[in-house]
């Protein structure tokens, strides 16, 4: 029986199962002790949980690299929330024990979040449930399970992986994780990716299908788990594992090497990350910097906008692993498929062509101003910080942002805040409008970053997520290839760096074309860094140029596909 869930962290792991079946806390025998005593018990438990959370946050900082680990410090913020405190106190005044008050009040928040339409917000119920469980354990004098002492090579199977559980895991002891609930956007998933532990979340019935000690095979790439694998599956796993180890050994020398092509021409290889916790792994995998930090994580997982201080801490956390490298931070890319429940954006029939990216930021000027202020302040401590504008389509938009940055810098100086007076400002070239006016935008921009995912679907009028149009979506259409070539040339002629950060950046078939056109920067997922660096080293300018000339002479994607099918580099 194959269990199917969501591949939240890539890789494959096999080992004996350790099943955590949470038991309901036993509160029998404790009666109501009066308002003051119950208040005192709740205060003591809250202080204990706050101390424990601060210790976990420090542990996360050391292991996952966040100097201000918001995933856990957010729990401290919730504990201190005046409205939550008021509701708990009201329940105690009405005759509830501290345990019953925590049950009722936190249970209400959990049900509220679980009923929301937005998946990311629904997943926050796990964080609230985590805090509730830890408060109840503190009230009842129970100790939390020590997950750092799990048997070596085990597969952890549990109903739900909470942030506090994830921080307690030892990646050297846990081969993989399998849960019944959760998703790839959950905080626990972010942490498992940062720790490099293969994980499949949301596999319904996992605890019923697996017994303690039984062998389990977890495939974080496919999002599947196989309890009690047979001899054939075990052999396939060992073969796959051996191939992975050989690949790692082959790529290991590239971890600390500079990124150069076969002629010794220097390029820069960066990482795409969606959260600061992933930046440390990127640095460990050999990234020279961050080519794209998506800032949506700050805005999506909450009911109100992040503060300037929260944003500042997150940007510095992402930059800290790269003291001498570039760190490109994209301003909020709201709209399209990234709906933010509390953000008052218009309801549109086609949000991908409406108020998204930079347009959404202009529609919320105060929200945008806070983000720009945080970026300017982060720039004072992170010299490599650069700002990237999503969905920019005109020179006037870039000028408007420069004016806003200048105004924010004046305000910060007046307030006595340390800040960079100017930040390198780049355009994410992801629309035909930006691509066709790249020569004009280059005069106003400090760098380009080509977003191939959106650029391809806009050029081809093919939604990459629509099954009926997916076959049309390919970067190897001559129209897309010509735009990529022309944007790179426009940037080079203007003397500004040009990078590429979409899925195509890691495409081995597109790589020789990009090298032939003179691309200087590539940004890929951390897992693909070493493979990409090795591939770059295998191409000389003459070899790349020969491939480029043949491909660009072909008339359509079918001919190009046929060329690559017969390609000697396969």
Protein backbone atom coordinates (compact mmCIF):
# COMPACT_ATOMS: atom_id res chain seq x y z
CA UNK A 1 0.00 0.00 0.00
CA UNK A 2 1.54 3.28 -1.13
CA UNK A 3 0.77 6.31 1.04
CA UNK A 4 0.48 9.54 -0.92
CA UNK A 5 1.02 13.01 0.47
CA UNK A 6 2.96 16.16 -0.32
CA UNK A 7 6.69 16.07 -0.92
CA UNK A 8 7.67 18.87 1.47
CA UNK A 9 11.42 18.20 1.50
CA UNK A 10 13.23 16.34 -1.26
CA UNK A 11 15.27 13.19 -1.04
CA UNK A 12 14.70 9.54 -0.15
CA UNK A 13 15.01 7.86 3.23
CA UNK A 14 14.38 4.35 4.55
CA UNK A 15 14.44 3.04 8.09
CA UNK A 16 12.47 1.56 10.98
CA UNK A 17 9.44 3.62 11.96
CA UNK A 18 9.19 5.51 15.22
CA UNK A 19 5.48 6.28 15.58
CA UNK A 20 4.47 9.19 17.80
CA UNK A 21 0.83 8.84 18.75
CA UNK A 22 -0.11 11.85 20.84
CA UNK A 23 -2.23 10.97 23.85
CA UNK A 24 -4.81 13.41 25.19
CA UNK A 25 -3.54 15.03 28.42
CA UNK A 26 -5.11 13.50 31.56
CA UNK A 27 -6.61 16.31 33.62
CA UNK A 28 -8.56 14.10 36.00
CA UNK A 29 -8.46 15.02 39.66
CA UNK A 30 -7.67 18.70 39.31
CA UNK A 31 -10.44 21.00 40.42
CA UNK A 32 -10.90 24.72 40.16
CA UNK A 33 -8.56 26.45 42.65
CA UNK A 34 -10.01 29.94 42.46
CA UNK A 35 -9.36 32.91 40.18
CA UNK A 36 -6.03 34.02 41.65
CA UNK A 37 -4.54 30.54 41.89
CA UNK A 38 -5.57 29.65 38.33
CA UNK A 39 -4.20 32.96 37.07
CA UNK A 40 -0.91 32.29 38.84
CA UNK A 41 -0.69 28.79 37.37
CA UNK A 42 -1.34 30.11 33.88
CA UNK A 43 1.27 32.88 34.29
CA UNK A 44 3.87 30.37 35.48
CA UNK A 45 3.12 28.03 32.57
CA UNK A 46 3.28 30.89 30.07
CA UNK A 47 6.66 32.02 31.43
CA UNK A 48 7.98 28.46 31.24
CA UNK A 49 6.82 28.04 27.63
CA UNK A 50 8.26 31.43 26.71
CA UNK A 51 11.66 30.44 28.13
CA UNK A 52 11.54 27.11 26.33
CA UNK A 53 10.54 28.80 23.08
CA UNK A 54 13.41 31.29 23.34
CA UNK A 55 15.81 28.36 23.83
CA UNK A 56 14.34 26.56 20.81
CA UNK A 57 14.64 29.75 18.77
CA UNK A 58 18.32 30.00 19.67
CA UNK A 59 18.79 26.37 18.71
CA UNK A 60 17.12 27.10 15.38
CA UNK A 61 19.36 30.10 14.87
CA UNK A 62 22.44 27.91 15.27
CA UNK A 63 21.13 25.04 13.13
CA UNK A 64 18.99 26.74 10.47
CA UNK A 65 20.70 30.12 10.43
CA UNK A 66 18.00 32.58 11.38
CA UNK A 67 19.25 35.24 13.76
CA UNK A 68 15.64 36.18 14.48
CA UNK A 69 13.74 32.91 13.94
CA UNK A 70 10.25 34.28 13.42
CA UNK A 71 8.72 30.81 13.15
CA UNK A 72 9.11 30.34 16.90
CA UNK A 73 9.30 33.92 18.13
CA UNK A 74 5.84 34.29 16.60
CA UNK A 75 4.64 31.91 19.32
CA UNK A 76 6.10 34.22 21.96
CA UNK A 77 4.27 37.12 20.32
CA UNK A 78 1.02 35.17 20.51
CA UNK A 79 1.57 34.33 24.19
CA UNK A 80 1.91 38.03 24.91
CA UNK A 81 -1.09 39.05 22.82
CA UNK A 82 -3.41 41.18 25.00
CA UNK A 83 -6.57 39.83 23.36
CA UNK A 84 -5.51 36.23 24.01
CA UNK A 85 -4.64 37.06 27.61
CA UNK A 86 -8.03 38.73 28.04
CA UNK A 87 -9.91 35.70 26.68
CA UNK A 88 -7.98 33.29 28.91
CA UNK A 89 -8.56 35.45 31.98
CA UNK A 90 -12.26 35.76 31.19
CA UNK A 91 -12.57 31.97 31.03
CA UNK A 92 -10.83 31.63 34.41
CA UNK A 93 -13.13 34.24 35.94
CA UNK A 94 -16.08 32.21 34.67
CA UNK A 95 -14.91 29.21 36.70
CA UNK A 96 -12.67 27.34 34.25
CA UNK A 97 -9.36 25.84 35.32
CA UNK A 98 -6.26 27.12 33.55
CA UNK A 99 -6.17 23.90 31.49
CA UNK A 100 -9.81 24.24 30.46
CA UNK A 101 -9.26 27.90 29.55
CA UNK A 102 -6.30 26.99 27.32
CA UNK A 103 -8.36 24.19 25.76
CA UNK A 104 -11.31 26.43 24.98
CA UNK A 105 -9.58 29.63 23.87
CA UNK A 106 -6.85 28.02 21.76
CA UNK A 107 -9.39 25.55 20.39
CA UNK A 108 -11.44 28.47 19.10
CA UNK A 109 -8.44 29.92 17.27
CA UNK A 110 -7.55 26.51 15.83
CA UNK A 111 -11.07 26.02 14.45
CA UNK A 112 -11.01 29.57 13.05
CA UNK A 113 -7.77 28.99 11.13
CA UNK A 114 -8.77 25.50 9.97
CA UNK A 115 -11.91 26.99 8.43
CA UNK A 116 -10.10 29.58 6.32
CA UNK A 117 -10.00 29.21 2.52
CA UNK A 118 -6.35 30.19 2.16
CA UNK A 119 -4.18 27.08 2.54
CA UNK A 120 -1.24 28.90 4.08
CA UNK A 121 -3.46 30.41 6.74
CA UNK A 122 -5.06 27.00 7.43
CA UNK A 123 -1.61 25.53 8.00
CA UNK A 124 -1.00 28.06 10.78
CA UNK A 125 -3.45 26.06 12.90
CA UNK A 126 -0.56 23.64 13.49
CA UNK A 127 1.50 26.41 15.10
CA UNK A 128 -1.39 27.33 17.41
CA UNK A 129 -1.97 23.67 18.30
CA UNK A 130 1.76 23.37 19.07
CA UNK A 131 1.59 26.29 21.49
CA UNK A 132 -1.60 24.94 23.08
CA UNK A 133 -0.02 21.51 23.67
CA UNK A 134 3.10 23.00 25.19
CA UNK A 135 1.08 25.21 27.54
CA UNK A 136 -0.99 22.22 28.67
CA UNK A 137 2.14 20.15 29.30
CA UNK A 138 3.59 22.99 31.38
CA UNK A 139 0.38 23.26 33.41
CA UNK A 140 0.29 19.50 34.00
CA UNK A 141 4.00 19.17 34.75
CA UNK A 142 4.65 16.91 31.76
CA UNK A 143 7.96 16.88 29.92
CA UNK A 144 8.14 17.10 26.14
CA UNK A 145 9.49 14.11 24.23
CA UNK A 146 13.20 14.46 23.45
CA UNK A 147 13.32 13.95 19.69
CA UNK A 148 17.08 14.52 19.59
CA UNK A 149 17.54 10.98 20.99
CA UNK A 150 15.58 9.06 18.39
CA UNK A 151 17.19 5.81 17.16
CA UNK A 152 19.75 6.40 14.43
CA UNK A 153 18.42 5.94 10.91
CA UNK A 154 14.75 5.96 11.89
CA UNK A 155 11.73 7.31 10.04
CA UNK A 156 9.59 9.56 12.25
CA UNK A 157 5.86 8.94 11.73
CA UNK A 158 3.44 11.30 13.45
CA UNK A 159 0.06 12.90 12.97
CA UNK A 160 1.49 16.40 12.76
CA UNK A 161 4.98 17.86 12.75
CA UNK A 162 5.01 21.07 14.76
CA UNK A 163 7.74 23.75 14.63
CA UNK A 164 9.01 22.85 18.11
CA UNK A 165 9.24 19.17 17.09
CA UNK A 166 11.10 20.02 13.87
CA UNK A 167 13.70 22.10 15.71
CA UNK A 168 14.34 19.18 18.07
CA UNK A 169 15.20 16.73 15.30
CA UNK A 170 18.75 15.59 14.66
CA UNK A 171 19.31 15.30 10.93
CA UNK A 172 22.06 12.74 11.54
CA UNK A 173 19.58 10.39 13.23
CA UNK A 174 16.34 10.88 11.29
CA UNK A 175 16.32 9.30 7.82
CA UNK A 176 12.93 10.78 6.86
CA UNK A 177 9.64 12.16 8.17
CA UNK A 178 6.08 11.02 7.42
CA UNK A 179 3.00 12.85 8.74
CA UNK A 180 -0.76 12.60 8.36
CA UNK A 181 -1.34 16.36 8.11
CA UNK A 182 0.51 19.43 6.88
CA UNK A 183 1.64 20.95 3.62
CA UNK A 184 4.68 22.27 1.80
CA UNK A 185 4.01 25.84 3.00
CA UNK A 186 3.85 24.91 6.70
CA UNK A 187 6.51 26.17 9.07
CA UNK A 188 7.53 22.60 9.86
CA UNK A 189 8.08 21.95 6.14
CA UNK A 190 10.28 25.02 5.86
CA UNK A 191 12.41 23.74 8.73
CA UNK A 192 12.73 20.21 7.33
CA UNK A 193 13.96 21.68 4.05
CA UNK A 194 16.45 23.84 5.93
CA UNK A 195 17.69 20.77 7.82
CA UNK A 196 17.81 18.65 4.66
CA UNK A 197 15.57 15.84 5.97
CA UNK A 198 13.37 14.10 3.35
CA UNK A 199 9.71 14.58 4.31
CA UNK A 200 6.26 13.62 3.07
CA UNK A 201 3.44 15.50 4.81
CA UNK A 202 -0.31 15.08 4.62
CA UNK A 203 -0.29 11.30 4.04
CA UNK A 204 -3.70 10.34 5.43
CA UNK A 205 -3.78 7.13 7.48
CA UNK A 206 -0.01 6.92 7.99
CA UNK A 207 -0.27 5.98 11.68
CA UNK A 208 -2.80 3.26 10.89
CA UNK A 209 -0.67 1.85 8.07
CA UNK A 210 2.64 1.81 9.95
CA UNK A 211 3.64 0.09 13.20
CA UNK A 212 6.62 0.90 15.40
CA UNK A 213 9.79 -0.73 14.10
CA UNK A 214 8.42 -1.55 10.66
CA UNK A 215 10.53 -0.56 7.70
CA UNK A 216 9.25 2.50 5.80
CA UNK A 217 10.52 3.95 2.52
CA UNK A 218 9.85 7.69 2.15
CA UNK A 219 10.30 9.51 -1.17
CA UNK A 220 10.22 13.27 -0.58
CA UNK A 221 10.58 13.96 -4.29
CA UNK A 222 7.53 11.94 -5.31
CA UNK A 223 5.50 12.66 -2.16
CA UNK A 224 5.01 8.95 -1.40
CA UNK A 225 5.77 6.48 1.37
CA UNK A 226 5.83 2.70 1.22
CA UNK A 227 5.39 0.76 4.49
CA UNK A 228 7.05 -2.67 4.62
CA UNK A 229 8.84 -2.39 1.25
CA UNK A 230 9.58 -5.71 -0.40
CA UNK A 231 12.99 -6.98 -1.44
CA UNK A 232 12.63 -5.41 -4.88
CA UNK A 233 11.76 -1.95 -3.47
CA UNK A 234 14.57 -2.14 -0.93
CA UNK A 235 17.05 -3.03 -3.65
CA UNK A 236 15.77 -0.16 -5.82
CA UNK A 237 16.21 2.19 -2.87
CA UNK A 238 19.77 1.00 -2.26
CA UNK A 239 20.57 1.39 -5.95
CA UNK A 240 19.10 4.89 -5.97
CA UNK A 241 20.89 5.74 -2.74
CA UNK A 242 24.21 4.49 -4.12
CA UNK A 243 23.73 6.55 -7.28
CA UNK A 244 22.97 9.59 -5.14
CA UNK A 245 26.13 9.07 -3.08
CA UNK A 246 28.21 8.69 -6.27
CA UNK A 247 26.67 11.90 -7.62
CA UNK A 248 27.43 13.71 -4.37
CA UNK A 249 31.03 12.50 -4.47
CA UNK A 250 31.37 13.66 -8.08
CA UNK A 251 29.96 17.10 -7.28
CA UNK A 252 31.65 17.62 -3.91
CA UNK A 253 34.80 19.24 -5.41
CA UNK A 254 32.58 21.98 -6.89
CA UNK A 255 31.27 23.07 -3.48
CA UNK A 256 34.14 25.50 -2.86
CA UNK A 257 35.21 26.13 -6.44
CA UNK A 258 34.49 29.39 -8.23
CA UNK A 259 31.90 29.25 -11.00
CA UNK A 260 33.82 29.28 -14.29
CA UNK A 261 33.15 27.95 -17.77
CA UNK A 262 35.51 25.74 -19.73
CA UNK A 263 37.56 28.78 -20.79
CA UNK A 264 37.89 30.08 -17.23
CA UNK A 265 35.34 32.91 -17.67
CA UNK A 266 33.93 33.81 -14.26
CA UNK A 267 30.20 33.65 -13.64
CA UNK A 268 28.18 34.06 -10.44
CA UNK A 269 25.96 31.27 -9.16
CA UNK A 270 23.28 32.22 -6.67
CA UNK A 271 20.37 30.49 -4.92
CA UNK A 272 16.62 31.07 -5.00
CA UNK A 273 15.10 30.89 -1.51
CA UNK A 274 11.61 31.43 -0.14
CA UNK A 275 12.56 31.90 3.50
CA UNK A 276 15.67 33.04 5.46
CA UNK A 277 15.94 29.58 7.03
CA UNK A 278 16.89 28.24 3.58
CA UNK A 279 19.78 30.68 3.17
CA UNK A 280 22.19 28.74 5.39
CA UNK A 281 21.61 25.55 3.42
CA UNK A 282 22.20 27.53 0.22
CA UNK A 283 25.53 28.78 1.57
CA UNK A 284 26.51 25.25 2.63
CA UNK A 285 25.66 24.00 -0.88
CA UNK A 286 28.08 26.49 -2.42
CA UNK A 287 25.89 29.46 -3.34
CA UNK A 288 27.81 32.69 -3.83
CA UNK A 289 24.80 34.74 -2.77
CA UNK A 290 21.03 34.91 -2.95
CA UNK A 291 19.74 35.60 -6.45
CA UNK A 292 16.12 35.75 -5.34
CA UNK A 293 14.65 36.03 -1.85
CA UNK A 294 10.88 35.90 -2.16
CA UNK A 295 9.41 38.10 0.58
CA UNK A 296 5.86 36.72 0.43
CA UNK A 297 6.55 34.50 3.47
CA UNK A 298 6.44 37.64 5.61
CA UNK A 299 2.97 38.57 4.42
CA UNK A 300 1.16 35.30 3.76
CA UNK A 301 1.21 33.62 7.15
CA UNK A 302 -0.61 36.19 9.24
CA UNK A 303 -3.72 38.28 9.65
CA UNK A 304 -1.97 41.66 9.62
CA UNK A 305 1.01 43.30 7.86
CA UNK A 306 4.52 42.58 9.17
CA UNK A 307 6.18 45.42 11.04
CA UNK A 308 9.26 47.23 9.81
CA UNK A 309 11.31 45.55 12.56
CA UNK A 310 10.11 42.07 11.58
CA UNK A 311 11.04 42.68 7.96
CA UNK A 312 14.43 44.11 8.91
CA UNK A 313 15.23 41.02 11.00
CA UNK A 314 14.21 38.67 8.18
CA UNK A 315 16.27 40.48 5.53
CA UNK A 316 19.36 40.52 7.74
CA UNK A 317 18.87 36.83 8.56
CA UNK A 318 18.89 35.99 4.85
CA UNK A 319 21.96 38.15 4.21
CA UNK A 320 24.06 36.98 7.15
CA UNK A 321 25.33 33.73 5.56
CA UNK A 322 26.72 35.82 2.66
CA UNK A 323 28.79 38.63 4.23
CA UNK A 324 30.64 39.22 0.95
CA UNK A 325 28.00 38.06 -1.52
CA UNK A 326 25.07 39.66 -3.28
CA UNK A 327 21.62 39.24 -1.75
CA UNK A 328 18.75 40.11 -4.11
CA UNK A 329 15.49 40.74 -2.25
CA UNK A 330 12.33 40.91 -4.32
CA UNK A 331 9.67 43.28 -3.06
CA UNK A 332 6.26 41.81 -2.32
CA UNK A 333 4.89 39.93 -5.32
CA UNK A 334 1.23 39.83 -4.30
CA UNK A 335 -1.66 39.05 -6.61
CA UNK A 336 -1.92 36.36 -9.26
CA UNK A 337 -1.66 33.02 -7.45
CA UNK A 338 -0.39 34.68 -4.28
CA UNK A 339 -3.53 35.92 -2.57
CA UNK A 340 -3.02 37.63 0.78
CA UNK A 341 -6.31 37.46 2.71
CA UNK A 342 -5.90 40.72 4.63
CA UNK A 343 -4.61 42.71 1.64
CA UNK A 344 -7.37 44.74 0.01
CA UNK A 345 -6.69 43.92 -3.63
CA UNK A 346 -9.53 44.01 -6.17
CA UNK A 347 -11.29 40.79 -7.15
CA UNK A 348 -10.36 40.23 -10.79
CA UNK A 349 -11.41 37.76 -13.46
CA UNK A 350 -7.78 37.34 -14.51
CA UNK A 351 -5.53 38.30 -11.58
CA UNK A 352 -2.38 37.30 -13.49
CA UNK A 353 -2.98 40.27 -15.80
CA UNK A 354 -4.25 42.62 -13.12
CA UNK A 355 -3.08 44.10 -9.84
CA UNK A 356 -0.03 41.99 -9.00
CA UNK A 357 3.62 42.52 -8.21
CA UNK A 358 4.73 46.13 -8.32
CA UNK A 359 1.23 47.27 -9.25
CA UNK A 360 -0.12 45.80 -6.01
CA UNK A 361 2.62 47.58 -4.04
CA UNK A 362 1.73 50.91 -5.64
CA UNK A 363 -1.92 50.25 -4.73
CA UNK A 364 -0.84 49.90 -1.06
CA UNK A 365 1.67 52.77 -0.71
CA UNK A 366 1.99 52.65 3.08
CA UNK A 367 2.64 48.91 3.04
CA UNK A 368 5.23 49.41 0.30
CA UNK A 369 6.85 52.29 2.18
CA UNK A 370 7.36 50.10 5.26
CA UNK A 371 9.05 47.43 3.14
CA UNK A 372 11.33 49.98 1.46
CA UNK A 373 12.31 51.44 4.85
CA UNK A 374 13.19 47.97 6.14
CA UNK A 375 15.28 47.30 3.03
CA UNK A 376 17.16 50.58 3.39
CA UNK A 377 17.91 49.80 7.03
CA UNK A 378 19.03 46.27 6.16
CA UNK A 379 21.32 47.73 3.51
CA UNK A 380 23.28 49.55 6.21
CA UNK A 381 24.42 46.18 7.60
CA UNK A 382 24.34 44.07 4.43
CA UNK A 383 26.55 45.71 1.78
CA UNK A 384 25.56 43.20 -0.90
CA UNK A 385 21.82 43.82 -0.62
CA UNK A 386 19.97 44.60 -3.87
CA UNK A 387 16.27 45.28 -4.45
CA UNK A 388 14.32 43.58 -7.24
CA UNK A 389 11.00 44.88 -8.59
CA UNK A 390 8.49 42.21 -9.75
CA UNK A 391 6.21 42.81 -12.74
CA UNK A 392 7.76 46.17 -13.61
CA UNK A 393 6.76 47.16 -17.13
CA UNK A 394 7.91 50.76 -17.65
CA UNK A 395 10.66 53.25 -16.94
CA UNK A 396 8.24 55.47 -15.02
CA UNK A 397 7.62 52.68 -12.48
CA UNK A 398 11.34 52.32 -11.78
CA UNK A 399 11.68 56.08 -11.37
CA UNK A 400 8.72 56.13 -8.99
CA UNK A 401 10.34 53.49 -6.76
CA UNK A 402 13.64 55.39 -6.77
CA UNK A 403 11.79 58.51 -5.62
CA UNK A 404 10.07 56.54 -2.86
CA UNK A 405 13.40 55.07 -1.73
CA UNK A 406 14.95 58.54 -1.62
CA UNK A 407 12.05 59.87 0.43
CA UNK A 408 12.27 56.93 2.85
CA UNK A 409 16.02 57.46 3.25
CA UNK A 410 15.45 61.10 4.19
CA UNK A 411 12.84 60.05 6.77
CA UNK A 412 15.14 57.44 8.29
CA UNK A 413 18.03 59.90 8.54
CA UNK A 414 15.73 62.40 10.22
CA UNK A 415 14.71 59.71 12.72
CA UNK A 416 18.34 58.84 13.44
CA UNK A 417 18.08 55.36 11.90
CA UNK A 418 21.11 53.80 10.23
CA UNK A 419 20.36 53.16 6.57
CA UNK A 420 21.83 53.03 3.08
CA UNK A 421 21.05 56.25 1.25
CA UNK A 422 20.81 54.33 -2.04
CA UNK A 423 20.22 50.69 -2.90
CA UNK A 424 20.92 48.96 -6.22
CA UNK A 425 17.53 48.68 -7.90
CA UNK A 426 16.78 46.02 -10.47
CA UNK A 427 13.91 44.97 -12.71
CA UNK A 428 12.58 41.44 -12.88
CA UNK A 429 12.09 41.03 -16.60
CA UNK A 430 9.04 38.76 -16.71
CA UNK A 431 6.63 40.50 -19.10
CA UNK A 432 6.86 41.09 -22.86
CA UNK A 433 6.64 44.83 -22.15
CA UNK A 434 9.78 44.73 -20.01
CA UNK A 435 11.59 42.45 -22.45
CA UNK A 436 10.83 44.59 -25.50
CA UNK A 437 11.90 47.80 -23.73
CA UNK A 438 14.91 46.26 -22.00
CA UNK A 439 17.22 48.84 -23.59
CA UNK A 440 15.18 51.65 -22.01
CA UNK A 441 14.80 49.94 -18.64
CA UNK A 442 18.54 49.26 -18.56
CA UNK A 443 19.18 53.02 -18.48
CA UNK A 444 17.20 53.30 -15.23
CA UNK A 445 18.13 49.97 -13.59
CA UNK A 446 21.23 48.74 -11.80
CA UNK A 447 20.67 45.13 -12.85
CA UNK A 448 18.23 42.75 -14.55
CA UNK A 449 16.91 39.44 -13.34
CA UNK A 450 14.98 37.45 -15.93
CA UNK A 451 11.99 35.56 -14.57
CA UNK A 452 11.55 32.86 -17.20
CA UNK A 453 8.47 31.23 -15.67
CA UNK A 454 6.12 34.18 -16.13
CA UNK A 455 7.92 35.56 -19.18
CA UNK A 456 7.44 32.27 -21.04
CA UNK A 457 3.73 31.97 -20.28
CA UNK A 458 3.05 35.61 -21.16
CA UNK A 459 4.93 35.41 -24.47
CA UNK A 460 3.22 32.16 -25.47
CA UNK A 461 -0.19 32.98 -23.94
CA UNK A 462 0.01 29.56 -22.26
CA UNK A 463 -0.80 29.09 -18.58
CA UNK A 464 1.89 26.75 -17.25
CA UNK A 465 -0.55 25.39 -14.65
CA UNK A 466 -3.40 24.65 -17.09
CA UNK A 467 -3.34 21.01 -18.30
CA UNK A 468 -4.68 21.85 -21.76
CA UNK A 469 -2.08 24.59 -22.30
CA UNK A 470 0.88 22.99 -20.56
CA UNK A 471 2.12 21.30 -23.76
CA UNK A 472 2.49 24.77 -25.31
CA UNK A 473 4.56 26.07 -22.40
CA UNK A 474 8.25 25.74 -23.26
CA UNK A 475 11.22 28.12 -23.08
CA UNK A 476 12.44 26.50 -26.29
CA UNK A 477 9.99 28.37 -28.50
CA UNK A 478 11.93 30.70 -30.81
CA UNK A 479 9.94 33.69 -29.51
CA UNK A 480 11.07 33.01 -25.94
CA UNK A 481 14.66 32.29 -26.92
CA UNK A 482 14.92 35.51 -28.93
CA UNK A 483 13.58 37.56 -26.03
CA UNK A 484 16.06 35.98 -23.62
CA UNK A 485 18.92 36.70 -26.02
CA UNK A 486 17.84 40.30 -26.59
CA UNK A 487 17.37 41.08 -22.89
CA UNK A 488 20.82 39.74 -22.06
CA UNK A 489 22.33 41.77 -24.90
CA UNK A 490 20.50 44.93 -23.81
CA UNK A 491 21.85 44.59 -20.29
CA UNK A 492 25.38 43.93 -21.47
CA UNK A 493 25.30 46.91 -23.84
CA UNK A 494 24.16 49.13 -20.94
CA UNK A 495 26.89 47.72 -18.69
CA UNK A 496 24.56 46.27 -16.04
CA UNK A 497 24.61 42.69 -14.68
CA UNK A 498 21.99 40.32 -16.06
CA UNK A 499 20.87 37.22 -14.19
CA UNK A 500 18.29 34.52 -14.74
CA UNK A 501 16.30 33.04 -11.86
CA UNK A 502 13.42 30.97 -13.25
CA UNK A 503 13.24 27.20 -13.63
CA UNK A 504 15.12 27.53 -16.91
CA UNK A 505 18.25 28.64 -15.03
CA UNK A 506 18.92 24.99 -14.15
CA UNK A 507 17.99 23.56 -17.56
CA UNK A 508 21.09 21.82 -18.98
CA UNK A 509 19.81 22.20 -22.55
CA UNK A 510 19.32 25.96 -22.22
CA UNK A 511 22.66 26.49 -20.49
CA UNK A 512 24.90 26.61 -23.61
CA UNK A 513 22.62 29.23 -25.17
CA UNK A 514 22.76 31.40 -22.04
CA UNK A 515 26.55 31.11 -21.95
CA UNK A 516 26.81 31.98 -25.64
CA UNK A 517 24.73 35.13 -25.06
CA UNK A 518 27.02 36.24 -22.24
CA UNK A 519 24.80 35.71 -19.21
CA UNK A 520 26.73 36.54 -16.02
CA UNK A 521 24.49 35.30 -13.21
CA UNK A 522 22.36 32.20 -12.66
CA UNK A 523 20.14 31.60 -9.66
CA UNK A 524 18.80 28.10 -8.96
CA UNK A 525 17.34 26.13 -6.08
CA UNK A 526 19.94 25.12 -3.46
CA UNK A 527 19.67 21.44 -4.42
CA UNK A 528 20.81 22.22 -8.00
CA UNK A 529 23.77 24.49 -7.23
CA UNK A 530 26.61 21.99 -7.52
CA UNK A 531 25.16 20.26 -10.58
CA UNK A 532 24.78 23.63 -12.33
CA UNK A 533 28.33 24.67 -11.45
CA UNK A 534 29.68 21.41 -12.84
CA UNK A 535 27.70 21.83 -16.06
CA UNK A 536 28.97 25.38 -16.55
CA UNK A 537 32.55 24.11 -16.21
CA UNK A 538 31.90 21.69 -19.07
CA UNK A 539 31.24 24.36 -21.71
CA UNK A 540 33.76 26.42 -23.64
CA UNK A 541 32.64 29.52 -25.52
CA UNK A 542 33.26 27.79 -28.86
CA UNK A 543 31.16 24.75 -27.93
CA UNK A 544 28.32 26.84 -26.51
CA UNK A 545 28.38 29.11 -29.55
CA UNK A 546 28.10 26.17 -31.93
CA UNK A 547 25.00 24.87 -30.13
CA UNK A 548 23.46 28.35 -30.02
CA UNK A 549 23.87 28.87 -33.76
CA UNK A 550 22.23 25.55 -34.59
CA UNK A 551 19.31 26.00 -32.18
CA UNK A 552 18.58 29.59 -33.19
CA UNK A 553 18.43 28.57 -36.85
CA UNK A 554 15.54 26.19 -36.18
CA UNK A 555 11.95 27.27 -36.86
CA UNK A 556 9.93 25.89 -33.96
CA UNK A 557 9.93 24.09 -30.62
CA UNK A 558 9.34 20.72 -32.30
CA UNK A 559 12.52 21.04 -34.38
CA UNK A 560 14.45 22.25 -31.35
CA UNK A 561 13.16 19.29 -29.33
CA UNK A 562 14.25 16.90 -32.08
CA UNK A 563 17.71 18.51 -32.08
CA UNK A 564 18.08 18.02 -28.34
CA UNK A 565 16.77 14.44 -28.50
CA UNK A 566 19.75 13.63 -30.71
CA UNK A 567 22.10 15.80 -28.66
CA UNK A 568 25.47 14.20 -27.78
CA UNK A 569 25.42 15.93 -24.37
CA UNK A 570 22.38 13.91 -23.18
